[in-house]
Amino acid sequence: FSSDEVIRKRLLIDGDGAGDDRRINLLVKSFIKWCNSGSQEEGYLQYQRMLSTLSQCEFSMGKTLLVYDMNLREMENYEKIYKDIENSIAAAHEKISECKKQILQAKRIRKNRQEYDALAKVIQHHPDRHETLKQLEALGKELQNLSHIKENVEDKLELRRKQFHVLLSTIHELQQTLENDEKLSEAEESQETQMEAEAKQ
């Protein structure tokens, strides 16, 4: 037998150390005395003692077996609890991992919201699309009106240029006419002076 098996058998015999091993030794001695007893009364007395010792040993043995079975059930219960604890730890690790993922996702969402808020503040400083379209439409109409005004001014300027050209031509013709008239007057005066001079002679 191995030392563990010897200790286990000894514990089964001795129980919780209450002297079962000593009882067995006494039982053996009583059996020897019973075998060597000379009278029937002494043999009966030894026989009763052996029965009492056997009853005590059987009771201790039964109690020890019950304790052993209870310990086995406790070990099974502890193993179950240990497995439950391991499963709980694994579930806790999974939950922690999931919580970390949720925290990272929440951080990304928070960062995106902050960026959206910053963009929204920038956008609020500018007019919306409808207002911008209205302004563009108003600017387009104003530009179109200015284009008409420009065309009208250019037409008037062209008309004034033509009128000024006609005026310059008229002035030039008038100046030419005046010069011709002046030359003609001078010729007539010269002719009259000559005629007067001839008449005096």
C-alpha atoms as a PDB file:
ATOM      1  CA  PHE A   1       0.000   0.000   0.000  1.00  0.00           C
ATOM      2  CA  SER A   2       1.064   3.590  -0.580  1.00  0.00           C
ATOM      3  CA  SER A   3       1.415   5.960   2.358  1.00  0.00           C
ATOM      4  CA  ASP A   4      -1.727   7.876   1.304  1.00  0.00           C
ATOM      5  CA  GLU A   5      -3.784   4.678   1.157  1.00  0.00           C
ATOM      6  CA  VAL A   6      -2.464   3.544   4.566  1.00  0.00           C
ATOM      7  CA  ILE A   7      -3.382   6.918   6.060  1.00  0.00           C
ATOM      8  CA  ARG A   8      -6.837   6.775   4.438  1.00  0.00           C
ATOM      9  CA  LYS A   9      -7.503   3.248   5.823  1.00  0.00           C
ATOM     10  CA  ARG A  10      -6.187   4.274   9.215  1.00  0.00           C
ATOM     11  CA  LEU A  11      -8.495   7.290   9.229  1.00  0.00           C
ATOM     12  CA  LEU A  12     -11.416   5.079   8.230  1.00  0.00           C
ATOM     13  CA  ILE A  13     -10.587   2.792  11.131  1.00  0.00           C
ATOM     14  CA  ASP A  14      -9.682   5.448  13.656  1.00  0.00           C
ATOM     15  CA  GLY A  15     -12.422   7.850  12.538  1.00  0.00           C
ATOM     16  CA  ASP A  16     -11.866  11.368  13.829  1.00  0.00           C
ATOM     17  CA  GLY A  17      -9.142  10.208  16.209  1.00  0.00           C
ATOM     18  CA  ALA A  18     -11.513   9.240  18.996  1.00  0.00           C
ATOM     19  CA  GLY A  19      -9.611   5.977  19.775  1.00  0.00           C
ATOM     20  CA  ASP A  20     -11.073   3.536  17.254  1.00  0.00           C
ATOM     21  CA  ASP A  21      -7.633   2.067  16.661  1.00  0.00           C
ATOM     22  CA  ARG A  22      -7.324   1.458  20.401  1.00  0.00           C
ATOM     23  CA  ARG A  23     -10.791  -0.121  20.414  1.00  0.00           C
ATOM     24  CA  ILE A  24      -9.731  -2.578  17.709  1.00  0.00           C
ATOM     25  CA  ASN A  25      -6.671  -3.490  19.736  1.00  0.00           C
ATOM     26  CA  LEU A  26      -8.889  -4.032  22.765  1.00  0.00           C
ATOM     27  CA  LEU A  27     -11.257  -6.089  20.579  1.00  0.00           C
ATOM     28  CA  VAL A  28      -8.384  -8.334  19.521  1.00  0.00           C
ATOM     29  CA  LYS A  29      -7.262  -8.738  23.111  1.00  0.00           C
ATOM     30  CA  SER A  30     -10.846  -9.481  24.190  1.00  0.00           C
ATOM     31  CA  PHE A  31     -11.120 -12.052  21.404  1.00  0.00           C
ATOM     32  CA  ILE A  32      -7.923 -13.705  22.623  1.00  0.00           C
ATOM     33  CA  LYS A  33      -9.185 -13.664  26.202  1.00  0.00           C
ATOM     34  CA  TRP A  34     -12.527 -15.045  25.028  1.00  0.00           C
ATOM     35  CA  CYS A  35     -10.711 -17.859  23.231  1.00  0.00           C
ATOM     36  CA  ASN A  36      -8.653 -18.567  26.356  1.00  0.00           C
ATOM     37  CA  SER A  37     -11.508 -18.105  28.854  1.00  0.00           C
ATOM     38  CA  GLY A  38     -11.898 -20.993  31.270  1.00  0.00           C
ATOM     39  CA  SER A  39     -15.461 -20.500  32.451  1.00  0.00           C
ATOM     40  CA  GLN A  40     -18.671 -19.899  30.538  1.00  0.00           C
ATOM     41  CA  GLU A  41     -19.433 -16.769  32.567  1.00  0.00           C
ATOM     42  CA  GLU A  42     -16.104 -15.197  31.792  1.00  0.00           C
ATOM     43  CA  GLY A  43     -16.509 -16.144  28.088  1.00  0.00           C
ATOM     44  CA  TYR A  44     -19.975 -14.567  27.990  1.00  0.00           C
ATOM     45  CA  LEU A  45     -18.624 -11.420  29.633  1.00  0.00           C
ATOM     46  CA  GLN A  46     -15.793 -11.191  27.066  1.00  0.00           C
ATOM     47  CA  TYR A  47     -18.333 -11.876  24.325  1.00  0.00           C
ATOM     48  CA  GLN A  48     -20.492  -8.942  25.479  1.00  0.00           C
ATOM     49  CA  ARG A  49     -17.461  -6.721  25.641  1.00  0.00           C
ATOM     50  CA  MET A  50     -16.499  -7.718  22.077  1.00  0.00           C
ATOM     51  CA  LEU A  51     -20.063  -6.974  20.853  1.00  0.00           C
ATOM     52  CA  SER A  52     -19.975  -3.574  22.577  1.00  0.00           C
ATOM     53  CA  THR A  53     -16.577  -2.765  21.112  1.00  0.00           C
ATOM     54  CA  LEU A  54     -17.725  -3.923  17.660  1.00  0.00           C
ATOM     55  CA  SER A  55     -20.838  -1.735  17.941  1.00  0.00           C
ATOM     56  CA  GLN A  56     -18.687   1.244  18.858  1.00  0.00           C
ATOM     57  CA  CYS A  57     -16.317   0.522  15.957  1.00  0.00           C
ATOM     58  CA  GLU A  58     -19.221   0.093  13.522  1.00  0.00           C
ATOM     59  CA  PHE A  59     -20.782   3.304  14.759  1.00  0.00           C
ATOM     60  CA  SER A  60     -17.519   5.194  14.357  1.00  0.00           C
ATOM     61  CA  MET A  61     -17.020   3.546  10.969  1.00  0.00           C
ATOM     62  CA  GLY A  62     -20.519   4.560   9.862  1.00  0.00           C
ATOM     63  CA  LYS A  63     -19.986   8.089  11.132  1.00  0.00           C
ATOM     64  CA  THR A  64     -16.642   8.266   9.351  1.00  0.00           C
ATOM     65  CA  LEU A  65     -18.220   7.035   6.089  1.00  0.00           C
ATOM     66  CA  LEU A  66     -20.966   9.611   6.429  1.00  0.00           C
ATOM     67  CA  VAL A  67     -18.378  12.336   7.011  1.00  0.00           C
ATOM     68  CA  TYR A  68     -16.407  11.009   4.034  1.00  0.00           C
ATOM     69  CA  ASP A  69     -19.504  11.065   1.802  1.00  0.00           C
ATOM     70  CA  MET A  70     -20.332  14.530   3.073  1.00  0.00           C
ATOM     71  CA  ASN A  71     -16.799  15.674   2.272  1.00  0.00           C
ATOM     72  CA  LEU A  72     -17.104  14.201  -1.231  1.00  0.00           C
ATOM     73  CA  ARG A  73     -20.371  16.051  -1.753  1.00  0.00           C
ATOM     74  CA  GLU A  74     -18.780  19.213  -0.383  1.00  0.00           C
ATOM     75  CA  MET A  75     -15.857  18.778  -2.787  1.00  0.00           C
ATOM     76  CA  GLU A  76     -18.290  18.332  -5.671  1.00  0.00           C
ATOM     77  CA  ASN A  77     -20.174  21.384  -4.466  1.00  0.00           C
ATOM     78  CA  TYR A  78     -16.918  23.352  -4.202  1.00  0.00           C
ATOM     79  CA  GLU A  79     -15.934  22.244  -7.703  1.00  0.00           C
ATOM     80  CA  LYS A  80     -19.319  23.396  -8.975  1.00  0.00           C
ATOM     81  CA  ILE A  81     -18.935  26.700  -7.154  1.00  0.00           C
ATOM     82  CA  TYR A  82     -15.389  26.987  -8.554  1.00  0.00           C
ATOM     83  CA  LYS A  83     -16.692  26.400 -12.087  1.00  0.00           C
ATOM     84  CA  ASP A  84     -19.479  28.899 -11.492  1.00  0.00           C
ATOM     85  CA  ILE A  85     -16.898  31.395 -10.267  1.00  0.00           C
ATOM     86  CA  GLU A  86     -14.713  30.720 -13.323  1.00  0.00           C
ATOM     87  CA  ASN A  87     -17.746  31.189 -15.586  1.00  0.00           C
ATOM     88  CA  SER A  88     -18.629  34.371 -13.720  1.00  0.00           C
ATOM     89  CA  ILE A  89     -15.051  35.634 -14.110  1.00  0.00           C
ATOM     90  CA  ALA A  90     -15.099  34.820 -17.839  1.00  0.00           C
ATOM     91  CA  ALA A  91     -18.467  36.562 -18.186  1.00  0.00           C
ATOM     92  CA  ALA A  92     -17.095  39.530 -16.235  1.00  0.00           C
ATOM     93  CA  HIS A  93     -14.073  39.694 -18.573  1.00  0.00           C
ATOM     94  CA  GLU A  94     -16.395  39.613 -21.599  1.00  0.00           C
ATOM     95  CA  LYS A  95     -18.566  42.304 -20.045  1.00  0.00           C
ATOM     96  CA  ILE A  96     -15.478  44.417 -19.290  1.00  0.00           C
ATOM     97  CA  SER A  97     -14.309  43.981 -22.891  1.00  0.00           C
ATOM     98  CA  GLU A  98     -17.759  44.941 -24.167  1.00  0.00           C
ATOM     99  CA  CYS A  99     -17.811  47.943 -21.828  1.00  0.00           C
ATOM    100  CA  LYS A 100     -14.401  49.023 -23.150  1.00  0.00           C
ATOM    101  CA  LYS A 101     -15.748  48.817 -26.703  1.00  0.00           C
ATOM    102  CA  GLN A 102     -18.795  50.830 -25.672  1.00  0.00           C
ATOM    103  CA  ILE A 103     -16.544  53.408 -23.992  1.00  0.00           C
ATOM    104  CA  LEU A 104     -14.443  53.737 -27.158  1.00  0.00           C
ATOM    105  CA  GLN A 105     -17.606  54.070 -29.244  1.00  0.00           C
ATOM    106  CA  ALA A 106     -18.977  56.664 -26.809  1.00  0.00           C
ATOM    107  CA  LYS A 107     -15.689  58.598 -27.047  1.00  0.00           C
ATOM    108  CA  ARG A 108     -15.893  58.547 -30.858  1.00  0.00           C
ATOM    109  CA  ILE A 109     -19.530  59.688 -30.723  1.00  0.00           C
ATOM    110  CA  ARG A 110     -18.602  62.456 -28.289  1.00  0.00           C
ATOM    111  CA  LYS A 111     -15.714  63.570 -30.505  1.00  0.00           C
ATOM    112  CA  ASN A 112     -17.975  63.561 -33.569  1.00  0.00           C
ATOM    113  CA  ARG A 113     -20.613  65.556 -31.692  1.00  0.00           C
ATOM    114  CA  GLN A 114     -18.008  68.111 -30.646  1.00  0.00           C
ATOM    115  CA  GLU A 115     -16.856  68.416 -34.255  1.00  0.00           C
ATOM    116  CA  TYR A 116     -20.479  68.706 -35.411  1.00  0.00           C
ATOM    117  CA  ASP A 117     -21.144  71.397 -32.815  1.00  0.00           C
ATOM    118  CA  ALA A 118     -18.060  73.320 -33.951  1.00  0.00           C
ATOM    119  CA  LEU A 119     -19.175  73.058 -37.588  1.00  0.00           C
ATOM    120  CA  ALA A 120     -22.706  74.076 -36.617  1.00  0.00           C
ATOM    121  CA  LYS A 121     -21.363  77.200 -34.896  1.00  0.00           C
ATOM    122  CA  VAL A 122     -19.375  78.063 -38.016  1.00  0.00           C
ATOM    123  CA  ILE A 123     -22.390  77.436 -40.233  1.00  0.00           C
ATOM    124  CA  GLN A 124     -24.610  79.585 -38.029  1.00  0.00           C
ATOM    125  CA  HIS A 125     -22.428  82.593 -38.828  1.00  0.00           C
ATOM    126  CA  HIS A 126     -23.290  82.190 -42.521  1.00  0.00           C
ATOM    127  CA  PRO A 127     -26.736  82.525 -44.105  1.00  0.00           C
ATOM    128  CA  ASP A 128     -28.607  79.414 -44.992  1.00  0.00           C
ATOM    129  CA  ARG A 129     -29.039  78.078 -48.528  1.00  0.00           C
ATOM    130  CA  HIS A 130     -32.438  79.697 -49.073  1.00  0.00           C
ATOM    131  CA  GLU A 131     -31.185  83.069 -47.896  1.00  0.00           C
ATOM    132  CA  THR A 132     -28.060  82.733 -50.028  1.00  0.00           C
ATOM    133  CA  LEU A 133     -30.144  81.886 -53.106  1.00  0.00           C
ATOM    134  CA  LYS A 134     -32.335  84.917 -52.433  1.00  0.00           C
ATOM    135  CA  GLN A 135     -29.259  87.117 -52.148  1.00  0.00           C
ATOM    136  CA  LEU A 136     -27.815  85.632 -55.342  1.00  0.00           C
ATOM    137  CA  GLU A 137     -31.119  86.223 -57.121  1.00  0.00           C
ATOM    138  CA  ALA A 138     -31.221  89.830 -55.885  1.00  0.00           C
ATOM    139  CA  LEU A 139     -27.603  90.350 -56.964  1.00  0.00           C
ATOM    140  CA  GLY A 140     -28.428  88.822 -60.358  1.00  0.00           C
ATOM    141  CA  LYS A 141     -31.327  91.218 -60.823  1.00  0.00           C
ATOM    142  CA  GLU A 142     -29.187  94.119 -59.702  1.00  0.00           C
ATOM    143  CA  LEU A 143     -26.428  93.063 -62.113  1.00  0.00           C
ATOM    144  CA  GLN A 144     -28.956  92.767 -64.920  1.00  0.00           C
ATOM    145  CA  ASN A 145     -30.300  96.226 -64.081  1.00  0.00           C
ATOM    146  CA  LEU A 146     -26.778  97.636 -64.033  1.00  0.00           C
ATOM    147  CA  SER A 147     -26.132  95.997 -67.411  1.00  0.00           C
ATOM    148  CA  HIS A 148     -29.212  97.754 -68.833  1.00  0.00           C
ATOM    149  CA  ILE A 149     -28.066 101.034 -67.319  1.00  0.00           C
ATOM    150  CA  LYS A 150     -24.610 100.494 -68.805  1.00  0.00           C
ATOM    151  CA  GLU A 151     -26.112  99.781 -72.238  1.00  0.00           C
ATOM    152  CA  ASN A 152     -28.267 102.881 -71.984  1.00  0.00           C
ATOM    153  CA  VAL A 153     -25.295 105.003 -70.959  1.00  0.00           C
ATOM    154  CA  GLU A 154     -23.191 103.558 -73.768  1.00  0.00           C
ATOM    155  CA  ASP A 155     -26.017 104.246 -76.254  1.00  0.00           C
ATOM    156  CA  LYS A 156     -26.335 107.807 -74.990  1.00  0.00           C
ATOM    157  CA  LEU A 157     -22.571 108.216 -75.104  1.00  0.00           C
ATOM    158  CA  GLU A 158     -22.496 106.944 -78.680  1.00  0.00           C
ATOM    159  CA  LEU A 159     -25.329 109.305 -79.574  1.00  0.00           C
ATOM    160  CA  ARG A 160     -23.514 112.220 -77.944  1.00  0.00           C
ATOM    161  CA  ARG A 161     -20.332 111.198 -79.768  1.00  0.00           C
ATOM    162  CA  LYS A 162     -22.179 111.245 -83.081  1.00  0.00           C
ATOM    163  CA  GLN A 163     -23.870 114.521 -82.208  1.00  0.00           C
ATOM    164  CA  PHE A 164     -20.513 115.996 -81.204  1.00  0.00           C
ATOM    165  CA  HIS A 165     -19.012 114.785 -84.473  1.00  0.00           C
ATOM    166  CA  VAL A 166     -21.862 116.404 -86.397  1.00  0.00           C
ATOM    167  CA  LEU A 167     -21.377 119.534 -84.345  1.00  0.00           C
ATOM    168  CA  LEU A 168     -17.649 119.597 -85.093  1.00  0.00           C
ATOM    169  CA  SER A 169     -18.360 119.051 -88.793  1.00  0.00           C
ATOM    170  CA  THR A 170     -20.910 121.871 -88.755  1.00  0.00           C
ATOM    171  CA  ILE A 171     -18.480 124.140 -86.929  1.00  0.00           C
ATOM    172  CA  HIS A 172     -15.771 123.261 -89.409  1.00  0.00           C
ATOM    173  CA  GLU A 173     -18.100 123.951 -92.332  1.00  0.00           C
ATOM    174  CA  LEU A 174     -19.252 127.170 -90.715  1.00  0.00           C
ATOM    175  CA  GLN A 175     -15.663 128.188 -90.127  1.00  0.00           C
ATOM    176  CA  GLN A 176     -14.840 127.419 -93.756  1.00  0.00           C
ATOM    177  CA  THR A 177     -17.851 129.416 -94.901  1.00  0.00           C
ATOM    178  CA  LEU A 178     -16.827 132.328 -92.722  1.00  0.00           C
ATOM    179  CA  GLU A 179     -13.312 132.204 -94.072  1.00  0.00           C
ATOM    180  CA  ASN A 180     -14.633 132.144 -97.638  1.00  0.00           C
ATOM    181  CA  ASP A 181     -16.962 135.033 -96.860  1.00  0.00           C
ATOM    182  CA  GLU A 182     -14.072 136.952 -95.345  1.00  0.00           C
ATOM    183  CA  LYS A 183     -11.889 136.341 -98.384  1.00  0.00           C
ATOM    184  CA  LEU A 184     -14.733 137.356-100.643  1.00  0.00           C
ATOM    185  CA  SER A 185     -15.252 140.557 -98.648  1.00  0.00           C
ATOM    186  CA  GLU A 186     -11.581 141.356 -98.794  1.00  0.00           C
ATOM    187  CA  ALA A 187     -11.579 140.837-102.584  1.00  0.00           C
ATOM    188  CA  GLU A 188     -14.602 143.066-102.982  1.00  0.00           C
ATOM    189  CA  GLU A 189     -13.039 145.759-100.827  1.00  0.00           C
ATOM    190  CA  SER A 190      -9.803 145.557-102.837  1.00  0.00           C
ATOM    191  CA  GLN A 191     -11.744 145.801-106.067  1.00  0.00           C
ATOM    192  CA  GLU A 192     -13.705 148.827-104.832  1.00  0.00           C
ATOM    193  CA  THR A 193     -10.480 150.523-103.674  1.00  0.00           C
ATOM    194  CA  GLN A 194      -8.942 149.977-107.089  1.00  0.00           C
ATOM    195  CA  MET A 195     -12.027 151.325-108.821  1.00  0.00           C
ATOM    196  CA  GLU A 196     -11.981 154.428-106.657  1.00  0.00           C
ATOM    197  CA  ALA A 197      -8.322 154.961-107.424  1.00  0.00           C
ATOM    198  CA  GLU A 198      -8.943 154.719-111.139  1.00  0.00           C
ATOM    199  CA  ALA A 199     -11.841 157.089-110.863  1.00  0.00           C
ATOM    200  CA  LYS A 200      -9.716 159.723-109.259  1.00  0.00           C
ATOM    201  CA  GLN A 201      -7.245 159.618-112.058  1.00  0.00           C
END
